[in-house]
PDB file of N, CA and C in Angstrom:
ATOM      1  N   MET A   1      38.117 -66.462 -56.667  1.00  0.00           N
ATOM      2  CA  MET A   1      37.208 -66.343 -55.376  1.00  0.00           C
ATOM      3  C   MET A   1      37.558 -66.649 -53.749  1.00  0.00           C
ATOM      4  N   THR A   2      37.724 -65.802 -52.854  1.00  0.00           N
ATOM      5  CA  THR A   2      38.031 -66.410 -52.197  1.00  0.00           C
ATOM      6  C   THR A   2      37.625 -66.128 -50.638  1.00  0.00           C
ATOM      7  N   ALA A   3      37.609 -67.320 -49.927  1.00  0.00           N
ATOM      8  CA  ALA A   3      36.267 -66.773 -48.897  1.00  0.00           C
ATOM      9  C   ALA A   3      37.158 -66.243 -47.606  1.00  0.00           C
ATOM     10  N   THR A   4      35.960 -66.162 -46.995  1.00  0.00           N
ATOM     11  CA  THR A   4      35.895 -64.627 -45.892  1.00  0.00           C
ATOM     12  C   THR A   4      35.465 -66.076 -44.475  1.00  0.00           C
ATOM     13  N   ILE A   5      35.568 -66.361 -44.084  1.00  0.00           N
ATOM     14  CA  ILE A   5      34.704 -66.911 -42.415  1.00  0.00           C
ATOM     15  C   ILE A   5      34.519 -65.495 -41.445  1.00  0.00           C
ATOM     16  N   ASP A   6      32.614 -65.170 -41.354  1.00  0.00           N
ATOM     17  CA  ASP A   6      32.613 -64.852 -40.536  1.00  0.00           C
ATOM     18  C   ASP A   6      33.354 -65.073 -38.890  1.00  0.00           C
ATOM     19  N   PRO A   7      33.861 -64.195 -38.187  1.00  0.00           N
ATOM     20  CA  PRO A   7      34.147 -64.502 -36.427  1.00  0.00           C
ATOM     21  C   PRO A   7      33.054 -64.939 -35.422  1.00  0.00           C
ATOM     22  N   LEU A   8      31.397 -63.913 -36.272  1.00  0.00           N
ATOM     23  CA  LEU A   8      31.043 -64.773 -35.396  1.00  0.00           C
ATOM     24  C   LEU A   8      29.725 -65.445 -35.105  1.00  0.00           C
ATOM     25  N   LEU A   9      30.161 -65.875 -36.506  1.00  0.00           N
ATOM     26  CA  LEU A   9      29.794 -67.364 -37.112  1.00  0.00           C
ATOM     27  C   LEU A   9      29.562 -68.345 -36.252  1.00  0.00           C
ATOM     28  N   ILE A  10      30.951 -68.207 -36.569  1.00  0.00           N
ATOM     29  CA  ILE A  10      32.080 -69.157 -35.741  1.00  0.00           C
ATOM     30  C   ILE A  10      31.466 -69.107 -34.209  1.00  0.00           C
ATOM     31  N   SER A  11      31.914 -67.727 -33.257  1.00  0.00           N
ATOM     32  CA  SER A  11      31.511 -67.897 -31.756  1.00  0.00           C
ATOM     33  C   SER A  11      29.954 -68.076 -31.817  1.00  0.00           C
ATOM     34  N   ALA A  12      28.880 -68.414 -32.421  1.00  0.00           N
ATOM     35  CA  ALA A  12      27.755 -68.633 -31.818  1.00  0.00           C
ATOM     36  C   ALA A  12      27.409 -70.139 -32.604  1.00  0.00           C
ATOM     37  N   SER A  13      27.821 -70.218 -32.996  1.00  0.00           N
ATOM     38  CA  SER A  13      27.201 -72.027 -33.252  1.00  0.00           C
ATOM     39  C   SER A  13      27.523 -72.535 -32.552  1.00  0.00           C
ATOM     40  N   PRO A  14      27.370 -73.971 -32.098  1.00  0.00           N
ATOM     41  CA  PRO A  14      26.728 -74.254 -30.472  1.00  0.00           C
ATOM     42  C   PRO A  14      28.139 -75.120 -30.774  1.00  0.00           C
ATOM     43  N   ARG A  15      29.643 -75.677 -29.889  1.00  0.00           N
ATOM     44  CA  ARG A  15      30.356 -76.311 -30.029  1.00  0.00           C
ATOM     45  C   ARG A  15      29.975 -77.565 -29.128  1.00  0.00           C
ATOM     46  N   ARG A  16      29.715 -78.582 -29.007  1.00  0.00           N
ATOM     47  CA  ARG A  16      29.265 -79.833 -28.740  1.00  0.00           C
ATOM     48  C   ARG A  16      30.838 -80.373 -28.235  1.00  0.00           C
ATOM     49  N   GLY A  17      30.262 -80.695 -26.908  1.00  0.00           N
ATOM     50  CA  GLY A  17      31.034 -81.818 -25.929  1.00  0.00           C
ATOM     51  C   GLY A  17      32.295 -80.534 -25.076  1.00  0.00           C
ATOM     52  N   THR A  18      32.284 -79.077 -25.739  1.00  0.00           N
ATOM     53  CA  THR A  18      33.620 -78.513 -25.341  1.00  0.00           C
ATOM     54  C   THR A  18      33.449 -77.640 -24.439  1.00  0.00           C
ATOM     55  N   ALA A  19      31.561 -76.765 -24.554  1.00  0.00           N
ATOM     56  CA  ALA A  19      31.962 -76.623 -22.810  1.00  0.00           C
ATOM     57  C   ALA A  19      30.407 -76.247 -22.536  1.00  0.00           C
ATOM     58  N   ARG A  20      30.186 -76.458 -20.998  1.00  0.00           N
ATOM     59  CA  ARG A  20      28.278 -76.676 -20.798  1.00  0.00           C
ATOM     60  C   ARG A  20      27.466 -75.718 -21.183  1.00  0.00           C
ATOM     61  N   GLN A  21      26.306 -75.450 -21.308  1.00  0.00           N
ATOM     62  CA  GLN A  21      26.144 -74.774 -21.208  1.00  0.00           C
ATOM     63  C   GLN A  21      25.852 -73.450 -19.307  1.00  0.00           C
ATOM     64  N   ALA A  22      25.937 -71.779 -19.444  1.00  0.00           N
ATOM     65  CA  ALA A  22      25.782 -71.490 -18.529  1.00  0.00           C
ATOM     66  C   ALA A  22      24.348 -71.203 -17.786  1.00  0.00           C
ATOM     67  N   ARG A  23      24.218 -71.644 -16.364  1.00  0.00           N
ATOM     68  CA  ARG A  23      22.442 -71.204 -15.955  1.00  0.00           C
ATOM     69  C   ARG A  23      22.679 -70.505 -15.833  1.00  0.00           C
ATOM     70  N   PRO A  24      21.407 -69.384 -15.173  1.00  0.00           N
ATOM     71  CA  PRO A  24      21.741 -68.375 -15.218  1.00  0.00           C
ATOM     72  C   PRO A  24      21.314 -68.383 -14.135  1.00  0.00           C
ATOM     73  N   ALA A  25      22.226 -67.002 -13.244  1.00  0.00           N
ATOM     74  CA  ALA A  25      22.417 -66.618 -12.452  1.00  0.00           C
ATOM     75  C   ALA A  25      20.766 -66.498 -11.373  1.00  0.00           C
ATOM     76  N   ARG A  26      21.023 -67.030 -10.019  1.00  0.00           N
ATOM     77  CA  ARG A  26      19.716 -66.982  -8.972  1.00  0.00           C
ATOM     78  C   ARG A  26      19.984 -65.966  -8.617  1.00  0.00           C
ATOM     79  N   GLN A  27      18.626 -65.274  -8.135  1.00  0.00           N
ATOM     80  CA  GLN A  27      18.363 -63.845  -7.470  1.00  0.00           C
ATOM     81  C   GLN A  27      18.505 -64.103  -6.015  1.00  0.00           C
ATOM     82  N   VAL A  28      18.965 -63.717  -5.625  1.00  0.00           N
ATOM     83  CA  VAL A  28      19.261 -63.318  -3.930  1.00  0.00           C
ATOM     84  C   VAL A  28      17.844 -62.707  -3.108  1.00  0.00           C
ATOM     85  N   THR A  29      17.357 -63.420  -2.782  1.00  0.00           N
ATOM     86  CA  THR A  29      15.896 -62.545  -1.027  1.00  0.00           C
ATOM     87  C   THR A  29      16.521 -61.514  -0.758  1.00  0.00           C
ATOM     88  N   SER A  30      16.414 -60.891  -0.027  1.00  0.00           N
ATOM     89  CA  SER A  30      16.424 -59.850   0.424  1.00  0.00           C
ATOM     90  C   SER A  30      16.654 -59.971   1.862  1.00  0.00           C
ATOM     91  N   GLN A  31      16.704 -59.564   2.947  1.00  0.00           N
ATOM     92  CA  GLN A  31      15.544 -59.753   4.219  1.00  0.00           C
ATOM     93  C   GLN A  31      14.463 -59.229   4.910  1.00  0.00           C
ATOM     94  N   ALA A  32      15.085 -58.048   3.751  1.00  0.00           N
ATOM     95  CA  ALA A  32      13.508 -57.061   3.732  1.00  0.00           C
ATOM     96  C   ALA A  32      12.375 -57.868   2.976  1.00  0.00           C
ATOM     97  N   THR A  33      12.201 -58.977   2.188  1.00  0.00           N
ATOM     98  CA  THR A  33      11.569 -59.279   1.511  1.00  0.00           C
ATOM     99  C   THR A  33      11.152 -60.168   2.598  1.00  0.00           C
ATOM    100  N   TYR A  34      11.710 -60.750   2.965  1.00  0.00           N
ATOM    101  CA  TYR A  34      11.812 -62.538   4.038  1.00  0.00           C
ATOM    102  C   TYR A  34      10.396 -61.644   5.375  1.00  0.00           C
ATOM    103  N   ARG A  35      11.341 -60.924   5.315  1.00  0.00           N
ATOM    104  CA  ARG A  35      10.431 -60.106   7.237  1.00  0.00           C
ATOM    105  C   ARG A  35       8.724 -59.310   6.539  1.00  0.00           C
ATOM    106  N   ARG A  36       8.871 -59.124   4.926  1.00  0.00           N
ATOM    107  CA  ARG A  36       7.573 -58.584   4.698  1.00  0.00           C
ATOM    108  C   ARG A  36       6.767 -60.058   4.431  1.00  0.00           C
ATOM    109  N   ARG A  37       7.515 -61.181   3.993  1.00  0.00           N
ATOM    110  CA  ARG A  37       6.561 -62.207   3.730  1.00  0.00           C
ATOM    111  C   ARG A  37       6.117 -62.706   5.165  1.00  0.00           C
ATOM    112  N   ARG A  38       6.206 -63.127   6.529  1.00  0.00           N
ATOM    113  CA  ARG A  38       6.226 -63.292   7.317  1.00  0.00           C
ATOM    114  C   ARG A  38       5.359 -62.307   8.522  1.00  0.00           C
ATOM    115  N   MET A  39       5.484 -60.848   7.682  1.00  0.00           N
ATOM    116  CA  MET A  39       4.317 -60.125   8.042  1.00  0.00           C
ATOM    117  C   MET A  39       3.082 -60.600   7.182  1.00  0.00           C
ATOM    118  N   VAL A  40       3.285 -60.816   5.968  1.00  0.00           N
ATOM    119  CA  VAL A  40       1.679 -61.321   5.713  1.00  0.00           C
ATOM    120  C   VAL A  40       0.953 -62.333   6.360  1.00  0.00           C
ATOM    121  N   VAL A  41       2.183 -63.661   6.148  1.00  0.00           N
ATOM    122  CA  VAL A  41       2.332 -64.799   6.364  1.00  0.00           C
ATOM    123  C   VAL A  41       1.632 -64.352   7.799  1.00  0.00           C
ATOM    124  N   ALA A  42       1.593 -63.962   8.844  1.00  0.00           N
ATOM    125  CA  ALA A  42       1.823 -63.585  10.623  1.00  0.00           C
ATOM    126  C   ALA A  42      -0.685 -62.776  10.563  1.00  0.00           C
ATOM    127  N   ALA A  43       0.063 -61.656   9.710  1.00  0.00           N
ATOM    128  CA  ALA A  43      -2.277 -61.202   9.076  1.00  0.00           C
ATOM    129  C   ALA A  43      -2.818 -62.433   8.863  1.00  0.00           C
ATOM    130  N   ILE A  44      -2.268 -62.928   8.372  1.00  0.00           N
ATOM    131  CA  ILE A  44      -3.514 -64.375   7.843  1.00  0.00           C
ATOM    132  C   ILE A  44      -3.203 -65.153   8.661  1.00  0.00           C
ATOM    133  N   ALA A  45      -3.305 -64.909   9.573  1.00  0.00           N
ATOM    134  CA  ALA A  45      -2.607 -65.984  10.640  1.00  0.00           C
ATOM    135  C   ALA A  45      -4.160 -65.886  12.362  1.00  0.00           C
ATOM    136  N   VAL A  46      -3.488 -64.255  11.350  1.00  0.00           N
ATOM    137  CA  VAL A  46      -4.443 -63.241  13.295  1.00  0.00           C
ATOM    138  C   VAL A  46      -5.909 -62.977  12.686  1.00  0.00           C
ATOM    139  N   PHE A  47      -6.151 -62.910  11.165  1.00  0.00           N
ATOM    140  CA  PHE A  47      -7.534 -63.068  10.949  1.00  0.00           C
ATOM    141  C   PHE A  47      -8.122 -64.468  10.316  1.00  0.00           C
ATOM    142  N   ALA A  48      -7.054 -64.672  10.476  1.00  0.00           N
ATOM    143  CA  ALA A  48      -7.570 -66.695  10.525  1.00  0.00           C
ATOM    144  C   ALA A  48      -8.701 -66.746  12.379  1.00  0.00           C
ATOM    145  N   VAL A  49      -7.996 -66.466  13.277  1.00  0.00           N
ATOM    146  CA  VAL A  49      -8.035 -66.990  14.136  1.00  0.00           C
ATOM    147  C   VAL A  49      -9.504 -65.526  15.032  1.00  0.00           C
ATOM    148  N   ALA A  50      -9.082 -64.509  14.335  1.00  0.00           N
ATOM    149  CA  ALA A  50     -10.168 -63.141  15.333  1.00  0.00           C
ATOM    150  C   ALA A  50     -11.063 -63.644  14.273  1.00  0.00           C
ATOM    151  N   SER A  51     -11.117 -63.793  12.949  1.00  0.00           N
ATOM    152  CA  SER A  51     -12.786 -63.494  12.523  1.00  0.00           C
ATOM    153  C   SER A  51     -13.728 -64.389  13.135  1.00  0.00           C
ATOM    154  N   PRO A  52     -13.461 -66.224  13.167  1.00  0.00           N
ATOM    155  CA  PRO A  52     -14.615 -66.218  14.325  1.00  0.00           C
ATOM    156  C   PRO A  52     -15.084 -65.800  15.496  1.00  0.00           C
ATOM    157  N   LEU A  53     -14.070 -65.514  15.651  1.00  0.00           N
ATOM    158  CA  LEU A  53     -14.721 -64.787  17.358  1.00  0.00           C
ATOM    159  C   LEU A  53     -15.982 -63.625  17.090  1.00  0.00           C
ATOM    160  N   PHE A  54     -15.372 -62.670  15.942  1.00  0.00           N
ATOM    161  CA  PHE A  54     -16.157 -60.910  15.730  1.00  0.00           C
ATOM    162  C   PHE A  54     -17.377 -61.898  14.972  1.00  0.00           C
ATOM    163  N   VAL A  55     -17.628 -62.736  14.436  1.00  0.00           N
ATOM    164  CA  VAL A  55     -18.834 -63.177  13.404  1.00  0.00           C
ATOM    165  C   VAL A  55     -19.838 -64.005  14.886  1.00  0.00           C
ATOM    166  N   THR A  56     -19.179 -64.442  16.534  1.00  0.00           N
ATOM    167  CA  THR A  56     -20.039 -65.204  16.978  1.00  0.00           C
ATOM    168  C   THR A  56     -20.126 -64.321  18.213  1.00  0.00           C
ATOM    169  N   GLY A  57     -20.191 -63.179  18.223  1.00  0.00           N
ATOM    170  CA  GLY A  57     -20.208 -62.374  19.022  1.00  0.00           C
ATOM    171  C   GLY A  57     -19.293 -62.529  20.954  1.00  0.00           C
ATOM    172  N   ALA A  58     -18.011 -63.343  20.102  1.00  0.00           N
ATOM    173  CA  ALA A  58     -17.134 -63.265  21.440  1.00  0.00           C
ATOM    174  C   ALA A  58     -16.238 -62.088  22.137  1.00  0.00           C
ATOM    175  N   PHE A  59     -16.572 -60.927  21.118  1.00  0.00           N
ATOM    176  CA  PHE A  59     -15.870 -59.897  22.100  1.00  0.00           C
ATOM    177  C   PHE A  59     -17.468 -59.399  22.124  1.00  0.00           C
ATOM    178  N   ALA A  60     -18.042 -59.744  21.957  1.00  0.00           N
ATOM    179  CA  ALA A  60     -19.209 -58.596  22.471  1.00  0.00           C
ATOM    180  C   ALA A  60     -19.517 -58.400  23.779  1.00  0.00           C
ATOM    181  N   THR A  61     -19.969 -57.163  23.695  1.00  0.00           N
ATOM    182  CA  THR A  61     -20.109 -56.883  25.571  1.00  0.00           C
ATOM    183  C   THR A  61     -21.552 -55.879  25.792  1.00  0.00           C
ATOM    184  N   GLU A  62     -21.820 -56.778  27.509  1.00  0.00           N
ATOM    185  CA  GLU A  62     -23.702 -56.086  27.154  1.00  0.00           C
ATOM    186  C   GLU A  62     -24.144 -54.287  27.428  1.00  0.00           C
ATOM    187  N   PRO A  63     -24.817 -53.740  26.783  1.00  0.00           N
ATOM    188  CA  PRO A  63     -25.313 -52.711  26.474  1.00  0.00           C
ATOM    189  C   PRO A  63     -24.920 -51.894  27.585  1.00  0.00           C
ATOM    190  N   SER A  64     -24.545 -50.579  27.543  1.00  0.00           N
ATOM    191  CA  SER A  64     -24.390 -50.398  28.691  1.00  0.00           C
ATOM    192  C   SER A  64     -25.917 -49.475  29.360  1.00  0.00           C
ATOM    193  N   ALA A  65     -26.032 -49.935  30.642  1.00  0.00           N
ATOM    194  CA  ALA A  65     -27.543 -48.948  30.950  1.00  0.00           C
ATOM    195  C   ALA A  65     -28.416 -47.259  29.794  1.00  0.00           C
ATOM    196  N   GLN A  66     -26.815 -45.833  30.192  1.00  0.00           N
ATOM    197  CA  GLN A  66     -27.245 -45.430  28.825  1.00  0.00           C
ATOM    198  C   GLN A  66     -28.125 -45.369  27.735  1.00  0.00           C
ATOM    199  N   LEU A  67     -27.214 -46.863  27.005  1.00  0.00           N
ATOM    200  CA  LEU A  67     -27.930 -47.289  25.838  1.00  0.00           C
ATOM    201  C   LEU A  67     -28.750 -47.818  25.602  1.00  0.00           C
ATOM    202  N   ILE A  68     -29.724 -48.217  27.053  1.00  0.00           N
ATOM    203  CA  ILE A  68     -30.504 -49.035  25.933  1.00  0.00           C
ATOM    204  C   ILE A  68     -31.631 -48.592  26.791  1.00  0.00           C
ATOM    205  N   GLN A  69     -32.662 -47.698  25.444  1.00  0.00           N
ATOM    206  CA  GLN A  69     -33.797 -47.055  25.821  1.00  0.00           C
ATOM    207  C   GLN A  69     -35.162 -48.358  25.524  1.00  0.00           C
ATOM    208  N   THR A  70     -36.056 -47.781  26.957  1.00  0.00           N
ATOM    209  CA  THR A  70     -37.663 -47.958  27.182  1.00  0.00           C
ATOM    210  C   THR A  70     -38.418 -47.771  25.984  1.00  0.00           C
ATOM    211  N   VAL A  71     -39.271 -48.507  25.030  1.00  0.00           N
ATOM    212  CA  VAL A  71     -39.870 -48.077  24.320  1.00  0.00           C
ATOM    213  C   VAL A  71     -40.641 -47.846  24.635  1.00  0.00           C
ATOM    214  N   PRO A  72     -41.707 -46.605  25.084  1.00  0.00           N
ATOM    215  CA  PRO A  72     -42.817 -46.678  26.826  1.00  0.00           C
ATOM    216  C   PRO A  72     -44.297 -46.991  25.377  1.00  0.00           C
ATOM    217  N   ARG A  73     -44.995 -47.916  26.713  1.00  0.00           N
ATOM    218  CA  ARG A  73     -45.801 -48.569  25.478  1.00  0.00           C
ATOM    219  C   ARG A  73     -47.208 -48.034  25.551  1.00  0.00           C
ATOM    220  N   THR A  74     -48.304 -47.647  25.349  1.00  0.00           N
ATOM    221  CA  THR A  74     -49.528 -46.975  24.208  1.00  0.00           C
ATOM    222  C   THR A  74     -50.677 -47.796  24.330  1.00  0.00           C
ATOM    223  N   HIS A  75     -51.584 -46.915  24.853  1.00  0.00           N
ATOM    224  CA  HIS A  75     -52.524 -47.338  24.262  1.00  0.00           C
ATOM    225  C   HIS A  75     -53.589 -46.963  24.147  1.00  0.00           C
ATOM    226  N   VAL A  76     -54.061 -46.304  23.337  1.00  0.00           N
ATOM    227  CA  VAL A  76     -55.348 -45.421  22.900  1.00  0.00           C
ATOM    228  C   VAL A  76     -56.757 -46.429  23.497  1.00  0.00           C
ATOM    229  N   VAL A  77     -57.672 -45.416  24.329  1.00  0.00           N
ATOM    230  CA  VAL A  77     -58.501 -45.978  24.645  1.00  0.00           C
ATOM    231  C   VAL A  77     -59.716 -45.629  24.074  1.00  0.00           C
ATOM    232  N   GLU A  78     -60.735 -47.298  24.239  1.00  0.00           N
ATOM    233  CA  GLU A  78     -61.931 -46.830  23.223  1.00  0.00           C
ATOM    234  C   GLU A  78     -63.003 -47.095  23.854  1.00  0.00           C
ATOM    235  N   ALA A  79     -64.276 -46.874  23.595  1.00  0.00           N
ATOM    236  CA  ALA A  79     -65.418 -46.557  23.631  1.00  0.00           C
ATOM    237  C   ALA A  79     -65.722 -47.418  24.937  1.00  0.00           C
ATOM    238  N   GLY A  80     -66.479 -47.342  26.304  1.00  0.00           N
ATOM    239  CA  GLY A  80     -66.498 -48.442  27.706  1.00  0.00           C
ATOM    240  C   GLY A  80     -65.315 -48.587  28.646  1.00  0.00           C
ATOM    241  N   GLN A  81     -64.185 -48.555  27.914  1.00  0.00           N
ATOM    242  CA  GLN A  81     -63.181 -49.354  28.442  1.00  0.00           C
ATOM    243  C   GLN A  81     -63.070 -48.183  29.746  1.00  0.00           C
ATOM    244  N   THR A  82     -62.490 -48.546  30.625  1.00  0.00           N
ATOM    245  CA  THR A  82     -62.402 -48.450  31.945  1.00  0.00           C
ATOM    246  C   THR A  82     -60.692 -49.044  32.205  1.00  0.00           C
ATOM    247  N   LEU A  83     -60.082 -47.923  32.965  1.00  0.00           N
ATOM    248  CA  LEU A  83     -58.600 -47.983  33.561  1.00  0.00           C
ATOM    249  C   LEU A  83     -58.760 -49.235  34.166  1.00  0.00           C
ATOM    250  N   TRP A  84     -59.347 -50.172  34.789  1.00  0.00           N
ATOM    251  CA  TRP A  84     -59.891 -51.663  35.424  1.00  0.00           C
ATOM    252  C   TRP A  84     -59.222 -52.479  34.413  1.00  0.00           C
ATOM    253  N   SER A  85     -60.768 -52.084  33.255  1.00  0.00           N
ATOM    254  CA  SER A  85     -60.129 -52.822  31.924  1.00  0.00           C
ATOM    255  C   SER A  85     -59.339 -52.711  30.906  1.00  0.00           C
ATOM    256  N   ILE A  86     -58.423 -51.563  30.566  1.00  0.00           N
ATOM    257  CA  ILE A  86     -57.201 -52.110  30.551  1.00  0.00           C
ATOM    258  C   ILE A  86     -56.272 -52.829  31.090  1.00  0.00           C
ATOM    259  N   ALA A  87     -56.595 -51.993  33.214  1.00  0.00           N
ATOM    260  CA  ALA A  87     -55.384 -53.377  33.011  1.00  0.00           C
ATOM    261  C   ALA A  87     -55.801 -54.260  33.332  1.00  0.00           C
ATOM    262  N   ARG A  88     -56.660 -55.277  32.624  1.00  0.00           N
ATOM    263  CA  ARG A  88     -57.146 -56.952  32.649  1.00  0.00           C
ATOM    264  C   ARG A  88     -56.152 -57.441  31.809  1.00  0.00           C
ATOM    265  N   LEU A  89     -56.562 -55.836  30.248  1.00  0.00           N
ATOM    266  CA  LEU A  89     -55.840 -56.429  29.263  1.00  0.00           C
ATOM    267  C   LEU A  89     -54.233 -56.868  28.872  1.00  0.00           C
ATOM    268  N   TYR A  90     -53.648 -55.688  30.129  1.00  0.00           N
ATOM    269  CA  TYR A  90     -52.215 -56.247  29.475  1.00  0.00           C
ATOM    270  C   TYR A  90     -51.534 -57.177  31.248  1.00  0.00           C
ATOM    271  N   MET A  91     -52.962 -57.236  31.785  1.00  0.00           N
ATOM    272  CA  MET A  91     -52.372 -58.396  33.278  1.00  0.00           C
ATOM    273  C   MET A  91     -53.638 -58.886  33.238  1.00  0.00           C
ATOM    274  N   PRO A  92     -53.729 -59.872  32.666  1.00  0.00           N
ATOM    275  CA  PRO A  92     -54.744 -61.029  32.296  1.00  0.00           C
ATOM    276  C   PRO A  92     -55.351 -61.724  33.888  1.00  0.00           C
ATOM    277  N   THR A  93     -53.851 -61.855  35.170  1.00  0.00           N
ATOM    278  CA  THR A  93     -54.412 -62.683  36.156  1.00  0.00           C
ATOM    279  C   THR A  93     -53.508 -62.314  36.973  1.00  0.00           C
ATOM    280  N   GLY A  94     -54.147 -62.065  38.501  1.00  0.00           N
ATOM    281  CA  GLY A  94     -53.603 -62.046  39.347  1.00  0.00           C
ATOM    282  C   GLY A  94     -54.473 -60.316  39.679  1.00  0.00           C
ATOM    283  N   ASN A  95     -53.806 -59.758  41.089  1.00  0.00           N
ATOM    284  CA  ASN A  95     -53.858 -58.360  41.681  1.00  0.00           C
ATOM    285  C   ASN A  95     -53.767 -57.339  40.517  1.00  0.00           C
ATOM    286  N   ILE A  96     -54.771 -57.189  39.908  1.00  0.00           N
ATOM    287  CA  ILE A  96     -53.992 -55.522  39.371  1.00  0.00           C
ATOM    288  C   ILE A  96     -54.550 -53.941  40.307  1.00  0.00           C
ATOM    289  N   SER A  97     -54.665 -54.545  41.519  1.00  0.00           N
ATOM    290  CA  SER A  97     -54.981 -53.545  42.224  1.00  0.00           C
ATOM    291  C   SER A  97     -54.165 -51.843  41.659  1.00  0.00           C
ATOM    292  N   GLU A  98     -52.308 -52.293  41.800  1.00  0.00           N
ATOM    293  CA  GLU A  98     -51.361 -51.897  42.121  1.00  0.00           C
ATOM    294  C   GLU A  98     -51.313 -51.339  40.740  1.00  0.00           C
ATOM    295  N   PHE A  99     -51.297 -51.319  39.486  1.00  0.00           N
ATOM    296  CA  PHE A  99     -51.115 -51.254  38.130  1.00  0.00           C
ATOM    297  C   PHE A  99     -52.110 -50.223  38.014  1.00  0.00           C
ATOM    298  N   VAL A 100     -53.547 -50.507  38.558  1.00  0.00           N
ATOM    299  CA  VAL A 100     -54.674 -49.678  37.831  1.00  0.00           C
ATOM    300  C   VAL A 100     -54.340 -48.208  38.939  1.00  0.00           C
ATOM    301  N   SER A 101     -53.190 -48.241  39.534  1.00  0.00           N
ATOM    302  CA  SER A 101     -52.962 -46.977  40.525  1.00  0.00           C
ATOM    303  C   SER A 101     -51.902 -46.936  39.552  1.00  0.00           C
ATOM    304  N   GLU A 102     -51.047 -47.483  38.573  1.00  0.00           N
ATOM    305  CA  GLU A 102     -49.619 -46.847  38.081  1.00  0.00           C
ATOM    306  C   GLU A 102     -50.358 -45.799  37.447  1.00  0.00           C
ATOM    307  N   LEU A 103     -51.426 -46.524  36.695  1.00  0.00           N
ATOM    308  CA  LEU A 103     -52.110 -46.030  36.016  1.00  0.00           C
ATOM    309  C   LEU A 103     -52.167 -44.679  36.311  1.00  0.00           C
ATOM    310  N   ALA A 104     -53.187 -45.077  36.927  1.00  0.00           N
ATOM    311  CA  ALA A 104     -54.333 -43.410  37.239  1.00  0.00           C
ATOM    312  C   ALA A 104     -53.056 -42.606  37.897  1.00  0.00           C
ATOM    313  N   ARG A 105     -51.599 -42.809  37.827  1.00  0.00           N
ATOM    314  CA  ARG A 105     -50.729 -42.051  38.505  1.00  0.00           C
ATOM    315  C   ARG A 105     -49.886 -41.203  37.084  1.00  0.00           C
ATOM    316  N   MET A 106     -50.078 -42.054  36.712  1.00  0.00           N
ATOM    317  CA  MET A 106     -49.204 -41.177  35.110  1.00  0.00           C
ATOM    318  C   MET A 106     -50.128 -40.615  33.978  1.00  0.00           C
ATOM    319  N   ASN A 107     -51.298 -41.540  33.987  1.00  0.00           N
ATOM    320  CA  ASN A 107     -52.863 -40.538  33.301  1.00  0.00           C
ATOM    321  C   ASN A 107     -53.638 -39.922  33.755  1.00  0.00           C
ATOM    322  N   GLY A 108     -53.966 -39.460  35.081  1.00  0.00           N
ATOM    323  CA  GLY A 108     -54.442 -39.143  35.539  1.00  0.00           C
ATOM    324  C   GLY A 108     -55.628 -39.857  35.650  1.00  0.00           C
ATOM    325  N   VAL A 109     -56.529 -39.671  36.698  1.00  0.00           N
ATOM    326  CA  VAL A 109     -58.422 -40.677  36.891  1.00  0.00           C
ATOM    327  C   VAL A 109     -58.939 -40.337  35.891  1.00  0.00           C
ATOM    328  N   ASP A 110     -59.382 -39.699  35.216  1.00  0.00           N
ATOM    329  CA  ASP A 110     -60.432 -39.527  33.917  1.00  0.00           C
ATOM    330  C   ASP A 110     -59.482 -39.947  32.708  1.00  0.00           C
ATOM    331  N   ILE A 111     -60.322 -40.871  31.799  1.00  0.00           N
ATOM    332  CA  ILE A 111     -59.864 -40.591  30.127  1.00  0.00           C
ATOM    333  C   ILE A 111     -61.403 -40.642  29.800  1.00  0.00           C
ATOM    334  N   GLU A 112     -60.745 -40.839  28.004  1.00  0.00           N
ATOM    335  CA  GLU A 112     -62.028 -40.458  26.941  1.00  0.00           C
ATOM    336  C   GLU A 112     -61.292 -40.742  25.891  1.00  0.00           C
ATOM    337  N   VAL A 113     -62.723 -41.440  25.471  1.00  0.00           N
ATOM    338  CA  VAL A 113     -62.309 -42.356  24.119  1.00  0.00           C
ATOM    339  C   VAL A 113     -61.765 -41.075  23.435  1.00  0.00           C
ATOM    340  N   GLY A 114     -60.449 -41.780  23.301  1.00  0.00           N
ATOM    341  CA  GLY A 114     -59.627 -41.381  21.680  1.00  0.00           C
ATOM    342  C   GLY A 114     -58.211 -40.601  22.551  1.00  0.00           C
ATOM    343  N   GLN A 115     -58.244 -40.967  23.860  1.00  0.00           N
ATOM    344  CA  GLN A 115     -57.073 -41.055  24.390  1.00  0.00           C
ATOM    345  C   GLN A 115     -55.502 -41.671  24.762  1.00  0.00           C
ATOM    346  N   ILE A 116     -54.727 -41.485  24.102  1.00  0.00           N
ATOM    347  CA  ILE A 116     -53.204 -42.470  24.379  1.00  0.00           C
ATOM    348  C   ILE A 116     -52.994 -42.266  25.779  1.00  0.00           C
ATOM    349  N   ILE A 117     -52.628 -43.675  26.290  1.00  0.00           N
ATOM    350  CA  ILE A 117     -52.213 -43.390  27.719  1.00  0.00           C
ATOM    351  C   ILE A 117     -50.925 -43.983  27.181  1.00  0.00           C
ATOM    352  N   ARG A 118     -50.615 -43.640  27.886  1.00  0.00           N
ATOM    353  CA  ARG A 118     -49.263 -44.716  28.601  1.00  0.00           C
ATOM    354  C   ARG A 118     -49.698 -46.098  29.023  1.00  0.00           C
ATOM    355  N   ILE A 119     -48.249 -47.141  29.369  1.00  0.00           N
ATOM    356  CA  ILE A 119     -49.118 -48.676  29.755  1.00  0.00           C
ATOM    357  C   ILE A 119     -47.214 -48.887  30.969  1.00  0.00           C
ATOM    358  N   PRO A 120     -46.939 -48.289  32.075  1.00  0.00           N
ATOM    359  CA  PRO A 120     -46.318 -48.477  32.841  1.00  0.00           C
ATOM    360  C   PRO A 120     -45.193 -50.348  32.329  1.00  0.00           C
TER     361      PRO A 120
END
């Protein structure tokens, strides 16, 4: 019988103390990757600074006069009410003569039960 030696088994067997194991090569990070990382960090920083400002309304502006809509006040006339009594409801103290004049100008002098009148 003859013995044959397989050369693959010899080279695959670890040799002790004769050679160091080679480390895997480290990948080099490209400049584009560094730029991308810096952009992400900058975006997070801007978001962290701007978020509280938006939440607290620091960038809020006063609404323009065109955007402000006034809701007209109205009153439904009940039995026995006059312009003077309606004026006293909306202006309980002080001189109401100018207020009554404004009510008469806006709604007319004669009012009827169930009529909806505008309040200035």
